[in-house]
Amino acid sequence: MIIPLSSLVGWNPHRLQQYYSAISSIQQPRIKIPRFQKSTPKQNSKISASVEKSIFKIPQQTQEISNLPKAMAVGKSTSSIALIISSVRPGRNGPKVAKLVAETIQKNLPKNVALKVVDLAEWNLPVFEQTEIPFSIQKSELYSTEIAKRWSKEISSHDGYIFLVPGTLKNAFDYLYNEWSGKPAMIVNYGGRPVDGLNGGKHFTDILNSLQMKLPTILPKVSIATLDREKTAVGKDLVFYEPAVENQVRSDIAMAWEGILKSLKPSGASPASA
């Protein structure tokens, strides 16, 4: 049975004000302070080194995705979209798929929206073993492990998500609940089977629907069978045999991205970020 988000969160004006205050304090260091003003050391000291890294730096492994404008990964904006690479295995194609996605949606990336790569290979999340039930957690600090607290803060900082399937995504997803719930998302499914046989994205769609996440009607797919594997293996890009296939993939990605933009709301604190 699906539990409505409203029954879990219990939104009211007082809590909304708390969330607004919390997110304002997190975003403040992004604002460039003129020389004639003085920053408040106490406020700056409250921001942990891990949060600063997640906001201002691109993880080392995600530098596999080359030639992306820095503004796309670090952009100071009102909304943030996380492009989540879920494959962690050696020789993975995830970063190359992410590069294809990022280059495609860059053509329709509003100035007030930033795209950040979140690479699960950088997080090394252990198998979920928390004692608490995620949907009962309303603040990041209430998780029992430090890795869960940091993961909650990272996911809470984004207003929407692009999931690259397959990979270790299900385990990372199960760590949290309220941080994902009700937000827009899209899936890009890739793998070695023919397009008709790529079903991982469909399975994950059912999971996202259970959290009332807003999904586009189209699910882009990339079959490794349509790629020149030798050229793809030695380069930084996916190399398609047929330009028409690549054009269709990019068109599907662009259409799904349009769906995210339509569902996107101005950034705000999720329940677990307050």
C-alpha atoms as a PDB file:
ATOM      1  CA  MET A   1       0.000   0.000   0.000  1.00  0.00           C
ATOM      2  CA  ILE A   2       1.388   3.429  -0.987  1.00  0.00           C
ATOM      3  CA  ILE A   3       1.478   5.884   1.904  1.00  0.00           C
ATOM      4  CA  PRO A   4       0.769   9.486   0.733  1.00  0.00           C
ATOM      5  CA  LEU A   5       3.702  11.801   1.308  1.00  0.00           C
ATOM      6  CA  SER A   6       1.454  14.247   3.159  1.00  0.00           C
ATOM      7  CA  SER A   7       0.722  11.714   5.866  1.00  0.00           C
ATOM      8  CA  LEU A   8       4.437  11.173   6.462  1.00  0.00           C
ATOM      9  CA  VAL A   9       5.642  14.686   6.413  1.00  0.00           C
ATOM     10  CA  GLY A  10       2.858  16.695   8.021  1.00  0.00           C
ATOM     11  CA  TRP A  11       3.621  19.938   6.287  1.00  0.00           C
ATOM     12  CA  ASN A  12       2.493  23.138   8.098  1.00  0.00           C
ATOM     13  CA  PRO A  13       3.549  26.808   7.877  1.00  0.00           C
ATOM     14  CA  HIS A  14       5.882  26.513  10.853  1.00  0.00           C
ATOM     15  CA  ARG A  15       7.794  23.557   9.353  1.00  0.00           C
ATOM     16  CA  LEU A  16       7.878  25.212   5.953  1.00  0.00           C
ATOM     17  CA  GLN A  17       9.554  28.225   7.556  1.00  0.00           C
ATOM     18  CA  GLN A  18      12.073  25.902   9.202  1.00  0.00           C
ATOM     19  CA  TYR A  19      12.870  24.255   5.862  1.00  0.00           C
ATOM     20  CA  TYR A  20      13.223  27.633   4.177  1.00  0.00           C
ATOM     21  CA  SER A  21      15.622  28.814   6.874  1.00  0.00           C
ATOM     22  CA  ALA A  22      17.641  25.594   6.702  1.00  0.00           C
ATOM     23  CA  ILE A  23      18.146  25.678   2.946  1.00  0.00           C
ATOM     24  CA  SER A  24      18.938  29.383   3.047  1.00  0.00           C
ATOM     25  CA  SER A  25      21.761  28.744   5.501  1.00  0.00           C
ATOM     26  CA  ILE A  26      23.193  25.994   3.283  1.00  0.00           C
ATOM     27  CA  GLN A  27      23.052  28.064   0.103  1.00  0.00           C
ATOM     28  CA  GLN A  28      24.536  31.236   1.666  1.00  0.00           C
ATOM     29  CA  PRO A  29      28.198  30.340   1.002  1.00  0.00           C
ATOM     30  CA  ARG A  30      27.364  30.196  -2.714  1.00  0.00           C
ATOM     31  CA  ILE A  31      26.709  33.966  -2.703  1.00  0.00           C
ATOM     32  CA  LYS A  32      29.706  36.123  -3.482  1.00  0.00           C
ATOM     33  CA  ILE A  33      29.958  38.714  -0.710  1.00  0.00           C
ATOM     34  CA  PRO A  34      31.018  42.227  -1.824  1.00  0.00           C
ATOM     35  CA  ARG A  35      34.221  43.543  -0.236  1.00  0.00           C
ATOM     36  CA  PHE A  36      32.420  46.169   1.791  1.00  0.00           C
ATOM     37  CA  GLN A  37      30.369  43.482   3.561  1.00  0.00           C
ATOM     38  CA  LYS A  38      31.622  41.118   6.204  1.00  0.00           C
ATOM     39  CA  SER A  39      30.810  37.427   6.297  1.00  0.00           C
ATOM     40  CA  THR A  40      29.896  35.754   9.555  1.00  0.00           C
ATOM     41  CA  PRO A  41      32.594  33.241  10.603  1.00  0.00           C
ATOM     42  CA  LYS A  42      30.159  31.366  12.823  1.00  0.00           C
ATOM     43  CA  GLN A  43      27.828  30.751   9.896  1.00  0.00           C
ATOM     44  CA  ASN A  44      30.658  29.651   7.617  1.00  0.00           C
ATOM     45  CA  SER A  45      32.044  27.295  10.242  1.00  0.00           C
ATOM     46  CA  LYS A  46      28.755  25.406  10.372  1.00  0.00           C
ATOM     47  CA  ILE A  47      29.270  24.055   6.875  1.00  0.00           C
ATOM     48  CA  SER A  48      31.161  20.805   7.019  1.00  0.00           C
ATOM     49  CA  ALA A  49      34.025  20.016   4.688  1.00  0.00           C
ATOM     50  CA  SER A  50      32.037  17.146   3.188  1.00  0.00           C
ATOM     51  CA  VAL A  51      29.125  19.436   2.236  1.00  0.00           C
ATOM     52  CA  GLU A  52      31.489  22.020   0.730  1.00  0.00           C
ATOM     53  CA  LYS A  53      33.068  19.294  -1.374  1.00  0.00           C
ATOM     54  CA  SER A  54      29.698  18.049  -2.617  1.00  0.00           C
ATOM     55  CA  ILE A  55      28.640  21.568  -3.653  1.00  0.00           C
ATOM     56  CA  PHE A  56      31.789  23.025  -5.161  1.00  0.00           C
ATOM     57  CA  LYS A  57      33.905  20.140  -6.456  1.00  0.00           C
ATOM     58  CA  ILE A  58      33.536  17.436  -9.076  1.00  0.00           C
ATOM     59  CA  PRO A  59      34.503  14.021  -7.627  1.00  0.00           C
ATOM     60  CA  GLN A  60      37.822  12.753  -8.973  1.00  0.00           C
ATOM     61  CA  GLN A  61      36.407   9.704 -10.759  1.00  0.00           C
ATOM     62  CA  THR A  62      33.721  11.740 -12.496  1.00  0.00           C
ATOM     63  CA  GLN A  63      36.471  13.596 -14.339  1.00  0.00           C
ATOM     64  CA  GLU A  64      36.165  10.635 -16.739  1.00  0.00           C
ATOM     65  CA  ILE A  65      33.366  12.778 -18.192  1.00  0.00           C
ATOM     66  CA  SER A  66      35.442  15.295 -20.086  1.00  0.00           C
ATOM     67  CA  ASN A  67      34.648  18.528 -21.888  1.00  0.00           C
ATOM     68  CA  LEU A  68      31.612  19.375 -19.747  1.00  0.00           C
ATOM     69  CA  PRO A  69      31.329  23.100 -18.978  1.00  0.00           C
ATOM     70  CA  LYS A  70      32.133  23.706 -15.313  1.00  0.00           C
ATOM     71  CA  ALA A  71      28.858  25.585 -14.879  1.00  0.00           C
ATOM     72  CA  MET A  72      26.965  22.390 -15.644  1.00  0.00           C
ATOM     73  CA  ALA A  73      28.539  20.526 -12.740  1.00  0.00           C
ATOM     74  CA  VAL A  74      28.966  23.384 -10.282  1.00  0.00           C
ATOM     75  CA  GLY A  75      26.376  25.915 -11.445  1.00  0.00           C
ATOM     76  CA  LYS A  76      25.069  28.457  -8.953  1.00  0.00           C
ATOM     77  CA  SER A  77      21.353  28.266  -9.565  1.00  0.00           C
ATOM     78  CA  THR A  78      17.932  27.903  -8.041  1.00  0.00           C
ATOM     79  CA  SER A  79      17.545  24.234  -8.996  1.00  0.00           C
ATOM     80  CA  SER A  80      19.926  21.284  -9.145  1.00  0.00           C
ATOM     81  CA  ILE A  81      19.635  18.012 -11.045  1.00  0.00           C
ATOM     82  CA  ALA A  82      21.806  15.030 -10.081  1.00  0.00           C
ATOM     83  CA  LEU A  83      23.047  12.810 -12.913  1.00  0.00           C
ATOM     84  CA  ILE A  84      23.637   9.564 -11.024  1.00  0.00           C
ATOM     85  CA  ILE A  85      26.123   7.026 -12.387  1.00  0.00           C
ATOM     86  CA  SER A  86      25.216   3.734 -10.727  1.00  0.00           C
ATOM     87  CA  SER A  87      27.742   1.326 -12.255  1.00  0.00           C
ATOM     88  CA  VAL A  88      30.890   0.877 -10.180  1.00  0.00           C
ATOM     89  CA  ARG A  89      32.628  -2.007 -11.974  1.00  0.00           C
ATOM     90  CA  PRO A  90      36.016  -1.700 -13.750  1.00  0.00           C
ATOM     91  CA  GLY A  91      35.658  -0.966 -17.462  1.00  0.00           C
ATOM     92  CA  ARG A  92      32.163   0.443 -16.976  1.00  0.00           C
ATOM     93  CA  ASN A  93      30.342   2.454 -19.641  1.00  0.00           C
ATOM     94  CA  GLY A  94      28.460   4.591 -17.116  1.00  0.00           C
ATOM     95  CA  PRO A  95      30.650   7.720 -17.386  1.00  0.00           C
ATOM     96  CA  LYS A  96      30.415   7.611 -21.192  1.00  0.00           C
ATOM     97  CA  VAL A  97      26.632   7.291 -21.061  1.00  0.00           C
ATOM     98  CA  ALA A  98      26.583  10.189 -18.598  1.00  0.00           C
ATOM     99  CA  LYS A  99      28.668  12.277 -21.011  1.00  0.00           C
ATOM    100  CA  LEU A 100      26.205  11.540 -23.827  1.00  0.00           C
ATOM    101  CA  VAL A 101      23.283  12.542 -21.609  1.00  0.00           C
ATOM    102  CA  ALA A 102      24.962  15.736 -20.370  1.00  0.00           C
ATOM    103  CA  GLU A 103      25.964  16.859 -23.854  1.00  0.00           C
ATOM    104  CA  THR A 104      22.444  16.226 -25.137  1.00  0.00           C
ATOM    105  CA  ILE A 105      20.558  18.144 -22.461  1.00  0.00           C
ATOM    106  CA  GLN A 106      23.083  20.980 -22.460  1.00  0.00           C
ATOM    107  CA  LYS A 107      21.259  22.328 -25.503  1.00  0.00           C
ATOM    108  CA  ASN A 108      18.191  22.846 -23.318  1.00  0.00           C
ATOM    109  CA  LEU A 109      19.711  23.623 -19.924  1.00  0.00           C
ATOM    110  CA  PRO A 110      18.079  26.712 -18.389  1.00  0.00           C
ATOM    111  CA  LYS A 111      20.341  29.245 -16.724  1.00  0.00           C
ATOM    112  CA  ASN A 112      18.673  28.634 -13.389  1.00  0.00           C
ATOM    113  CA  VAL A 113      19.256  24.870 -13.485  1.00  0.00           C
ATOM    114  CA  ALA A 114      22.575  23.149 -12.713  1.00  0.00           C
ATOM    115  CA  LEU A 115      23.564  19.591 -13.547  1.00  0.00           C
ATOM    116  CA  LYS A 116      25.838  17.740 -11.146  1.00  0.00           C
ATOM    117  CA  VAL A 117      27.353  14.293 -11.656  1.00  0.00           C
ATOM    118  CA  VAL A 118      26.935  11.985  -8.650  1.00  0.00           C
ATOM    119  CA  ASP A 119      29.098   8.893  -9.107  1.00  0.00           C
ATOM    120  CA  LEU A 120      28.295   5.958  -6.817  1.00  0.00           C
ATOM    121  CA  ALA A 121      31.842   4.696  -7.324  1.00  0.00           C
ATOM    122  CA  GLU A 122      32.912   7.695  -5.244  1.00  0.00           C
ATOM    123  CA  TRP A 123      30.514   6.873  -2.419  1.00  0.00           C
ATOM    124  CA  ASN A 124      31.264   3.196  -1.827  1.00  0.00           C
ATOM    125  CA  LEU A 125      27.968   2.719  -0.005  1.00  0.00           C
ATOM    126  CA  PRO A 126      27.898  -0.545   1.967  1.00  0.00           C
ATOM    127  CA  VAL A 127      24.944  -2.907   1.744  1.00  0.00           C
ATOM    128  CA  PHE A 128      21.998  -1.284   3.495  1.00  0.00           C
ATOM    129  CA  GLU A 129      22.043  -2.300   7.156  1.00  0.00           C
ATOM    130  CA  GLN A 130      20.513   0.595   9.095  1.00  0.00           C
ATOM    131  CA  THR A 131      18.285  -0.181  12.052  1.00  0.00           C
ATOM    132  CA  GLU A 132      15.845   2.640  11.330  1.00  0.00           C
ATOM    133  CA  ILE A 133      13.186   2.664   8.593  1.00  0.00           C
ATOM    134  CA  PRO A 134      14.095   5.404   6.051  1.00  0.00           C
ATOM    135  CA  PHE A 135      10.565   6.797   5.552  1.00  0.00           C
ATOM    136  CA  SER A 136      10.407   7.582   9.282  1.00  0.00           C
ATOM    137  CA  ILE A 137      13.485   9.838   9.099  1.00  0.00           C
ATOM    138  CA  GLN A 138      12.792  13.566   8.741  1.00  0.00           C
ATOM    139  CA  LYS A 139      16.320  14.932   9.283  1.00  0.00           C
ATOM    140  CA  SER A 140      19.676  13.812   7.901  1.00  0.00           C
ATOM    141  CA  GLU A 141      21.186  13.912  11.383  1.00  0.00           C
ATOM    142  CA  LEU A 142      18.799  11.206  12.594  1.00  0.00           C
ATOM    143  CA  TYR A 143      20.332   8.442  10.485  1.00  0.00           C
ATOM    144  CA  SER A 144      22.406   5.977  12.515  1.00  0.00           C
ATOM    145  CA  THR A 145      25.501   5.909  10.270  1.00  0.00           C
ATOM    146  CA  GLU A 146      27.741   8.721   9.054  1.00  0.00           C
ATOM    147  CA  ILE A 147      27.636   7.503   5.449  1.00  0.00           C
ATOM    148  CA  ALA A 148      23.815   7.587   5.497  1.00  0.00           C
ATOM    149  CA  LYS A 149      23.852  11.117   6.932  1.00  0.00           C
ATOM    150  CA  ARG A 150      26.187  12.336   4.177  1.00  0.00           C
ATOM    151  CA  TRP A 151      24.226  10.522   1.463  1.00  0.00           C
ATOM    152  CA  SER A 152      20.993  12.051   2.740  1.00  0.00           C
ATOM    153  CA  LYS A 153      22.457  15.567   2.622  1.00  0.00           C
ATOM    154  CA  GLU A 154      23.737  15.005  -0.915  1.00  0.00           C
ATOM    155  CA  ILE A 155      20.429  13.741  -2.289  1.00  0.00           C
ATOM    156  CA  SER A 156      18.427  16.368  -0.381  1.00  0.00           C
ATOM    157  CA  SER A 157      20.430  19.101  -2.092  1.00  0.00           C
ATOM    158  CA  HIS A 158      18.961  18.189  -5.508  1.00  0.00           C
ATOM    159  CA  ASP A 159      15.545  18.959  -6.960  1.00  0.00           C
ATOM    160  CA  GLY A 160      15.479  16.155  -9.532  1.00  0.00           C
ATOM    161  CA  TYR A 161      17.456  13.171 -10.783  1.00  0.00           C
ATOM    162  CA  ILE A 162      18.663  11.383 -13.893  1.00  0.00           C
ATOM    163  CA  PHE A 163      19.273   7.722 -13.103  1.00  0.00           C
ATOM    164  CA  LEU A 164      21.583   5.635 -15.271  1.00  0.00           C
ATOM    165  CA  VAL A 165      20.478   1.994 -15.073  1.00  0.00           C
ATOM    166  CA  PRO A 166      21.858  -0.660 -14.417  1.00  0.00           C
ATOM    167  CA  GLY A 167      24.315  -0.696 -11.510  1.00  0.00           C
ATOM    168  CA  THR A 168      24.215  -0.583  -7.709  1.00  0.00           C
ATOM    169  CA  LEU A 169      21.403   1.956  -7.746  1.00  0.00           C
ATOM    170  CA  LYS A 170      18.812  -0.060  -5.795  1.00  0.00           C
ATOM    171  CA  ASN A 171      21.033  -0.300  -2.721  1.00  0.00           C
ATOM    172  CA  ALA A 172      21.799   3.438  -2.832  1.00  0.00           C
ATOM    173  CA  PHE A 173      18.134   4.210  -3.348  1.00  0.00           C
ATOM    174  CA  ASP A 174      16.998   2.090  -0.370  1.00  0.00           C
ATOM    175  CA  TYR A 175      19.098   4.143   2.052  1.00  0.00           C
ATOM    176  CA  LEU A 176      16.610   7.023   1.808  1.00  0.00           C
ATOM    177  CA  TYR A 177      12.917   7.759   1.300  1.00  0.00           C
ATOM    178  CA  ASN A 178      11.740  11.324   1.917  1.00  0.00           C
ATOM    179  CA  GLU A 179      14.784  12.731   0.120  1.00  0.00           C
ATOM    180  CA  TRP A 180      13.561  11.183  -3.170  1.00  0.00           C
ATOM    181  CA  SER A 181       9.817  11.316  -2.686  1.00  0.00           C
ATOM    182  CA  GLY A 182       7.692  13.415  -5.041  1.00  0.00           C
ATOM    183  CA  LYS A 183      10.584  14.837  -7.075  1.00  0.00           C
ATOM    184  CA  PRO A 184      10.958  14.709 -10.886  1.00  0.00           C
ATOM    185  CA  ALA A 185      13.255  12.095 -12.384  1.00  0.00           C
ATOM    186  CA  MET A 186      14.141  10.318 -15.599  1.00  0.00           C
ATOM    187  CA  ILE A 187      15.845   7.021 -16.362  1.00  0.00           C
ATOM    188  CA  VAL A 188      18.364   6.175 -19.072  1.00  0.00           C
ATOM    189  CA  ASN A 189      18.579   2.400 -19.492  1.00  0.00           C
ATOM    190  CA  TYR A 190      21.658   0.891 -21.143  1.00  0.00           C
ATOM    191  CA  GLY A 191      23.137  -2.585 -21.469  1.00  0.00           C
ATOM    192  CA  GLY A 192      24.403  -5.345 -23.729  1.00  0.00           C
ATOM    193  CA  ARG A 193      21.019  -6.677 -24.830  1.00  0.00           C
ATOM    194  CA  PRO A 194      18.988  -5.407 -27.770  1.00  0.00           C
ATOM    195  CA  VAL A 195      16.789  -2.416 -26.951  1.00  0.00           C
ATOM    196  CA  ASP A 196      13.664  -4.577 -26.563  1.00  0.00           C
ATOM    197  CA  GLY A 197      15.471  -6.666 -23.946  1.00  0.00           C
ATOM    198  CA  LEU A 198      16.562  -3.768 -21.724  1.00  0.00           C
ATOM    199  CA  ASN A 199      14.057  -4.053 -18.891  1.00  0.00           C
ATOM    200  CA  GLY A 200      16.002  -2.713 -15.923  1.00  0.00           C
ATOM    201  CA  GLY A 201      14.608   0.761 -16.476  1.00  0.00           C
ATOM    202  CA  LYS A 202      11.031  -0.526 -16.448  1.00  0.00           C
ATOM    203  CA  HIS A 203      11.610  -2.303 -13.134  1.00  0.00           C
ATOM    204  CA  PHE A 204      13.130   0.815 -11.604  1.00  0.00           C
ATOM    205  CA  THR A 205      10.208   2.888 -12.913  1.00  0.00           C
ATOM    206  CA  ASP A 206       7.881   0.850 -10.697  1.00  0.00           C
ATOM    207  CA  ILE A 207      10.074   1.670  -7.698  1.00  0.00           C
ATOM    208  CA  LEU A 208      10.071   5.401  -8.465  1.00  0.00           C
ATOM    209  CA  ASN A 209       6.302   5.387  -8.948  1.00  0.00           C
ATOM    210  CA  SER A 210       5.873   3.964  -5.457  1.00  0.00           C
ATOM    211  CA  LEU A 211       7.444   7.175  -4.119  1.00  0.00           C
ATOM    212  CA  GLN A 212       5.206   9.367  -6.283  1.00  0.00           C
ATOM    213  CA  MET A 213       8.193  10.637  -8.267  1.00  0.00           C
ATOM    214  CA  LYS A 214       7.325  12.557 -11.435  1.00  0.00           C
ATOM    215  CA  LEU A 215       8.484  10.618 -14.492  1.00  0.00           C
ATOM    216  CA  PRO A 216       8.282  11.381 -18.226  1.00  0.00           C
ATOM    217  CA  THR A 217       6.434   8.942 -20.439  1.00  0.00           C
ATOM    218  CA  ILE A 218       9.544   8.137 -22.485  1.00  0.00           C
ATOM    219  CA  LEU A 219      12.415   5.941 -21.247  1.00  0.00           C
ATOM    220  CA  PRO A 220      15.619   6.366 -23.321  1.00  0.00           C
ATOM    221  CA  LYS A 221      17.606   3.188 -23.981  1.00  0.00           C
ATOM    222  CA  VAL A 222      21.142   2.575 -25.243  1.00  0.00           C
ATOM    223  CA  SER A 223      22.002  -0.920 -26.487  1.00  0.00           C
ATOM    224  CA  ILE A 224      25.715  -1.714 -26.385  1.00  0.00           C
ATOM    225  CA  ALA A 225      25.048  -3.903 -29.443  1.00  0.00           C
ATOM    226  CA  THR A 226      24.600  -0.696 -31.475  1.00  0.00           C
ATOM    227  CA  LEU A 227      28.073   0.572 -30.491  1.00  0.00           C
ATOM    228  CA  ASP A 228      31.509   0.025 -31.968  1.00  0.00           C
ATOM    229  CA  ARG A 229      32.933  -1.623 -28.862  1.00  0.00           C
ATOM    230  CA  GLU A 230      36.594  -1.300 -29.811  1.00  0.00           C
ATOM    231  CA  LYS A 231      36.388   2.437 -30.464  1.00  0.00           C
ATOM    232  CA  THR A 232      34.155   2.980 -27.456  1.00  0.00           C
ATOM    233  CA  ALA A 233      36.572   1.089 -25.186  1.00  0.00           C
ATOM    234  CA  VAL A 234      39.602   3.238 -26.056  1.00  0.00           C
ATOM    235  CA  GLY A 235      37.845   6.610 -26.171  1.00  0.00           C
ATOM    236  CA  LYS A 236      35.815   8.851 -23.883  1.00  0.00           C
ATOM    237  CA  ASP A 237      32.610   8.679 -25.930  1.00  0.00           C
ATOM    238  CA  LEU A 238      30.051   6.121 -27.007  1.00  0.00           C
ATOM    239  CA  VAL A 239      30.705   5.397 -30.686  1.00  0.00           C
ATOM    240  CA  PHE A 240      27.579   4.279 -32.528  1.00  0.00           C
ATOM    241  CA  TYR A 241      27.718   2.251 -35.721  1.00  0.00           C
ATOM    242  CA  GLU A 242      24.783   4.159 -37.205  1.00  0.00           C
ATOM    243  CA  PRO A 243      24.315   7.946 -36.820  1.00  0.00           C
ATOM    244  CA  ALA A 244      20.562   7.425 -37.074  1.00  0.00           C
ATOM    245  CA  VAL A 245      20.613   5.275 -33.921  1.00  0.00           C
ATOM    246  CA  GLU A 246      22.593   7.891 -32.016  1.00  0.00           C
ATOM    247  CA  ASN A 247      20.203  10.609 -33.182  1.00  0.00           C
ATOM    248  CA  GLN A 248      17.229   8.585 -31.949  1.00  0.00           C
ATOM    249  CA  VAL A 249      18.869   8.034 -28.542  1.00  0.00           C
ATOM    250  CA  ARG A 250      19.634  11.738 -28.187  1.00  0.00           C
ATOM    251  CA  SER A 251      16.104  12.635 -29.248  1.00  0.00           C
ATOM    252  CA  ASP A 252      14.642  10.327 -26.591  1.00  0.00           C
ATOM    253  CA  ILE A 253      16.934  11.811 -23.937  1.00  0.00           C
ATOM    254  CA  ALA A 254      15.945  15.344 -24.941  1.00  0.00           C
ATOM    255  CA  MET A 255      12.231  14.486 -24.743  1.00  0.00           C
ATOM    256  CA  ALA A 256      12.618  12.897 -21.302  1.00  0.00           C
ATOM    257  CA  TRP A 257      14.572  15.965 -20.146  1.00  0.00           C
ATOM    258  CA  GLU A 258      11.709  18.179 -21.262  1.00  0.00           C
ATOM    259  CA  GLY A 259       9.511  16.171 -18.913  1.00  0.00           C
ATOM    260  CA  ILE A 260      11.813  16.896 -15.963  1.00  0.00           C
ATOM    261  CA  LEU A 261      11.847  20.619 -16.719  1.00  0.00           C
ATOM    262  CA  LYS A 262       8.056  20.735 -16.813  1.00  0.00           C
ATOM    263  CA  SER A 263       7.841  19.051 -13.411  1.00  0.00           C
ATOM    264  CA  LEU A 264      10.690  20.982 -11.832  1.00  0.00           C
ATOM    265  CA  LYS A 265       9.910  23.378  -9.005  1.00  0.00           C
ATOM    266  CA  PRO A 266      12.195  26.021  -7.474  1.00  0.00           C
ATOM    267  CA  SER A 267      14.675  24.427  -5.125  1.00  0.00           C
ATOM    268  CA  GLY A 268      13.741  23.975  -1.516  1.00  0.00           C
ATOM    269  CA  ALA A 269      14.598  21.847   1.457  1.00  0.00           C
ATOM    270  CA  SER A 270      13.316  18.319   1.421  1.00  0.00           C
ATOM    271  CA  PRO A 271      12.013  16.924   4.708  1.00  0.00           C
ATOM    272  CA  ALA A 272      15.289  15.175   5.465  1.00  0.00           C
ATOM    273  CA  SER A 273      17.387  18.284   4.871  1.00  0.00           C
ATOM    274  CA  ALA A 274      15.784  20.429   7.532  1.00  0.00           C
END
